Amino acid sequence: YESMWHVPVYSEISLGAQLVPSFMDMAGLYDRGQNQTVLDAGCGTGLGALALRDAGFKVTMCDLTSAGLVPEAAKLPFREVCLWQPLRNQLPFRLGGTYDWVYCCDVLEHIPNVADVIMELMEVSTFGVFALVPLASVDGFGYVIPSYEQDVTHIHRFTLGTWARAFIQPGWVIEA
């Protein structure tokens, strides 16, 4: 896992950073994002966390290791966690609101027990979870975005319907 952050496609491109405006728009946060807390779950390089910080959030990052963090992100609060282990054993945990928001981009397709992780992320969030996941084609044999085919770290190749069932089961609202 640590070695992947030396590969440019992972270290120089951050969907998490690019999607902060979409997150703020979908959550209606342009007028109230200041000083709210957000957990960047599976932060990778921390570029998404920096964009969240610059948008006015108090950010805590978590991932398996801090090895991928860019120097600027390394200054933000970081918790070393394994997302497929119970978060309540790894994070300061308060049911129904340890963080105002959870931000999770390009992560869940790498996690073995997706349903459990989704439930835990919901439990630590007061207002909700913003998750970006890659979509497989309807037949499940390729991705809607072909470049995802190159990522050998994906455990799941889910269609929109499969992801929707995984999210709706614990009570999430799906906006596609």
Protein backbone atom coordinates (compact mmCIF):
# COMPACT_ATOMS: atom_id res chain seq x y z
CA TYR A 1 0.00 0.00 0.00
CA GLU A 2 2.75 2.46 0.89
CA SER A 3 4.56 1.95 -2.42
CA MET A 4 1.53 2.96 -4.51
CA TRP A 5 1.93 6.60 -3.44
CA HIS A 6 5.14 6.80 -5.47
CA VAL A 7 3.19 6.09 -8.68
CA PRO A 8 2.18 9.40 -10.36
CA VAL A 9 -1.40 8.34 -11.12
CA TYR A 10 -1.96 8.04 -7.35
CA SER A 11 0.36 10.74 -6.03
CA GLU A 12 -0.34 13.58 -8.45
CA ILE A 13 -4.06 13.21 -9.19
CA SER A 14 -6.66 13.56 -6.47
CA LEU A 15 -10.31 13.01 -7.22
CA GLY A 16 -10.92 13.91 -3.59
CA ALA A 17 -9.48 17.39 -4.13
CA GLN A 18 -11.34 17.85 -7.41
CA LEU A 19 -14.70 16.88 -5.89
CA VAL A 20 -14.78 19.22 -2.88
CA PRO A 21 -16.93 21.75 -4.80
CA SER A 22 -19.39 18.98 -5.72
CA PHE A 23 -19.53 17.85 -2.09
CA MET A 24 -20.21 21.39 -0.91
CA ASP A 25 -22.86 21.88 -3.58
CA MET A 26 -24.66 18.59 -2.92
CA ALA A 27 -24.62 19.13 0.83
CA GLY A 28 -25.63 22.81 0.54
CA LEU A 29 -22.51 23.91 2.40
CA TYR A 30 -21.44 27.07 0.61
CA ASP A 31 -23.13 29.19 3.27
CA ARG A 32 -22.41 27.00 6.30
CA GLY A 33 -19.20 25.05 5.72
CA GLN A 34 -17.07 27.23 7.95
CA ASN A 35 -15.68 25.45 11.01
CA GLN A 36 -17.63 22.23 10.51
CA THR A 37 -15.64 19.06 11.12
CA VAL A 38 -14.98 16.49 8.43
CA LEU A 39 -13.26 13.11 8.48
CA ASP A 40 -11.43 12.40 5.21
CA ALA A 41 -11.72 8.60 5.34
CA GLY A 42 -9.01 7.00 3.22
CA CYS A 43 -7.23 10.31 2.62
CA GLY A 44 -4.29 8.93 0.58
CA THR A 45 -2.14 11.93 -0.34
CA GLY A 46 -4.18 14.37 1.74
CA LEU A 47 -4.85 16.60 -1.28
CA GLY A 48 -8.59 16.24 -0.71
CA ALA A 49 -8.13 17.17 2.95
CA LEU A 50 -6.21 20.29 1.94
CA ALA A 51 -9.05 21.32 -0.40
CA LEU A 52 -11.54 20.74 2.43
CA ARG A 53 -9.39 22.81 4.79
CA ASP A 54 -9.16 25.60 2.24
CA ALA A 55 -12.98 25.52 1.98
CA GLY A 56 -13.18 26.23 5.71
CA PHE A 57 -13.54 22.79 7.29
CA LYS A 58 -11.70 21.47 10.32
CA VAL A 59 -10.29 18.28 8.81
CA THR A 60 -9.09 15.04 10.33
CA MET A 61 -7.59 12.52 7.95
CA CYS A 62 -7.43 8.77 8.35
CA ASP A 63 -5.84 6.02 6.31
CA LEU A 64 -3.72 2.88 6.72
CA THR A 65 -0.55 4.96 6.75
CA SER A 66 0.62 8.54 6.46
CA ALA A 67 3.28 7.50 3.91
CA GLY A 68 1.35 8.97 0.98
CA LEU A 69 0.73 12.40 2.49
CA VAL A 70 2.11 15.41 0.68
CA PRO A 71 4.19 17.63 3.01
CA GLU A 72 1.47 20.29 3.43
CA ALA A 73 -1.17 17.69 4.35
CA ALA A 74 1.18 16.10 6.89
CA LYS A 75 0.55 19.17 9.07
CA LEU A 76 -3.16 18.31 9.48
CA PRO A 77 -4.52 15.93 12.14
CA PHE A 78 -4.07 12.32 11.03
CA ARG A 79 -5.23 9.01 12.51
CA GLU A 80 -3.76 5.74 11.35
CA VAL A 81 -6.72 3.39 10.89
CA CYS A 82 -7.62 0.29 8.97
CA LEU A 83 -11.06 1.03 7.52
CA TRP A 84 -12.05 -2.63 7.48
CA GLN A 85 -11.51 -2.94 11.25
CA PRO A 86 -14.12 -1.46 13.65
CA LEU A 87 -13.65 2.32 13.71
CA ARG A 88 -14.93 2.56 17.28
CA ASN A 89 -11.70 0.80 18.31
CA GLN A 90 -9.51 3.22 16.36
CA LEU A 91 -11.07 6.69 16.43
CA PRO A 92 -12.42 8.92 19.16
CA PHE A 93 -15.96 7.63 18.67
CA ARG A 94 -19.25 9.28 19.54
CA LEU A 95 -22.29 7.62 18.02
CA GLY A 96 -24.22 10.03 15.84
CA GLY A 97 -21.69 12.76 15.49
CA THR A 98 -17.98 12.41 16.06
CA TYR A 99 -17.65 14.46 12.86
CA ASP A 100 -20.15 16.70 11.11
CA TRP A 101 -19.34 15.04 7.77
CA VAL A 102 -17.40 12.10 6.39
CA TYR A 103 -15.69 12.51 3.01
CA CYS A 104 -14.69 9.26 1.31
CA CYS A 105 -13.52 9.39 -2.30
CA ASP A 106 -12.17 6.50 -4.34
CA VAL A 107 -11.84 4.27 -1.26
CA LEU A 108 -14.77 1.89 -0.78
CA GLU A 109 -13.92 -0.21 -3.83
CA HIS A 110 -10.72 -1.22 -1.99
CA ILE A 111 -12.45 -2.33 1.23
CA PRO A 112 -13.40 -6.00 1.75
CA ASN A 113 -16.47 -5.51 3.96
CA VAL A 114 -18.13 -2.51 2.34
CA ALA A 115 -21.48 -2.74 4.16
CA ASP A 116 -19.83 -2.73 7.61
CA VAL A 117 -17.64 0.23 6.71
CA ILE A 118 -20.61 2.19 5.34
CA MET A 119 -22.50 1.63 8.60
CA GLU A 120 -19.53 2.78 10.68
CA LEU A 121 -18.99 5.90 8.57
CA MET A 122 -22.65 6.78 9.01
CA GLU A 123 -22.36 6.26 12.76
CA VAL A 124 -19.52 8.79 13.14
CA SER A 125 -21.25 11.42 11.01
CA THR A 126 -23.80 13.96 12.19
CA PHE A 127 -25.03 15.15 8.79
CA GLY A 128 -23.91 12.54 6.28
CA VAL A 129 -21.24 10.91 4.20
CA PHE A 130 -20.07 11.99 0.75
CA ALA A 131 -18.68 8.95 -1.07
CA LEU A 132 -17.35 8.68 -4.60
CA VAL A 133 -17.12 5.17 -5.99
CA PRO A 134 -16.15 3.94 -9.47
CA LEU A 135 -18.94 2.39 -11.53
CA ALA A 136 -18.65 -0.82 -13.47
CA SER A 137 -20.47 -1.11 -16.74
CA VAL A 138 -23.95 -2.58 -16.55
CA ASP A 139 -22.64 -6.04 -17.46
CA GLY A 140 -20.05 -5.79 -14.65
CA PHE A 141 -17.13 -6.66 -16.94
CA GLY A 142 -15.53 -3.25 -17.24
CA TYR A 143 -15.66 0.23 -15.79
CA VAL A 144 -17.65 3.17 -17.08
CA ILE A 145 -14.33 5.07 -16.93
CA PRO A 146 -11.88 2.73 -18.72
CA SER A 147 -8.78 3.99 -16.87
CA TYR A 148 -10.08 2.28 -13.72
CA GLU A 149 -9.25 -1.04 -15.41
CA GLN A 150 -5.58 -0.34 -14.63
CA ASP A 151 -6.14 -0.25 -10.86
CA VAL A 152 -5.35 -3.72 -9.57
CA THR A 153 -6.14 -2.67 -5.98
CA HIS A 154 -9.91 -2.65 -6.58
CA ILE A 155 -11.55 -5.50 -4.70
CA HIS A 156 -15.06 -4.66 -5.92
CA ARG A 157 -16.33 -3.90 -9.39
CA PHE A 158 -19.88 -2.75 -8.68
CA THR A 159 -22.52 -1.41 -11.02
CA LEU A 160 -24.68 1.54 -9.96
CA GLY A 161 -27.39 -0.90 -8.88
CA THR A 162 -24.99 -2.88 -6.67
CA TRP A 163 -23.59 0.25 -5.03
CA ALA A 164 -27.12 1.61 -4.55
CA ARG A 165 -28.16 -1.58 -2.73
CA ALA A 166 -25.04 -1.40 -0.54
CA PHE A 167 -25.77 2.21 0.40
CA ILE A 168 -29.56 2.06 0.65
CA GLN A 169 -29.45 -0.93 2.95
CA PRO A 170 -28.10 1.15 5.85
CA GLY A 171 -30.43 4.04 4.99
CA TRP A 172 -28.35 6.26 2.71
CA VAL A 173 -29.83 8.50 0.03
CA ILE A 174 -28.27 8.01 -3.38
CA GLU A 175 -27.68 10.98 -5.67
CA ALA A 176 -26.15 9.99 -8.97
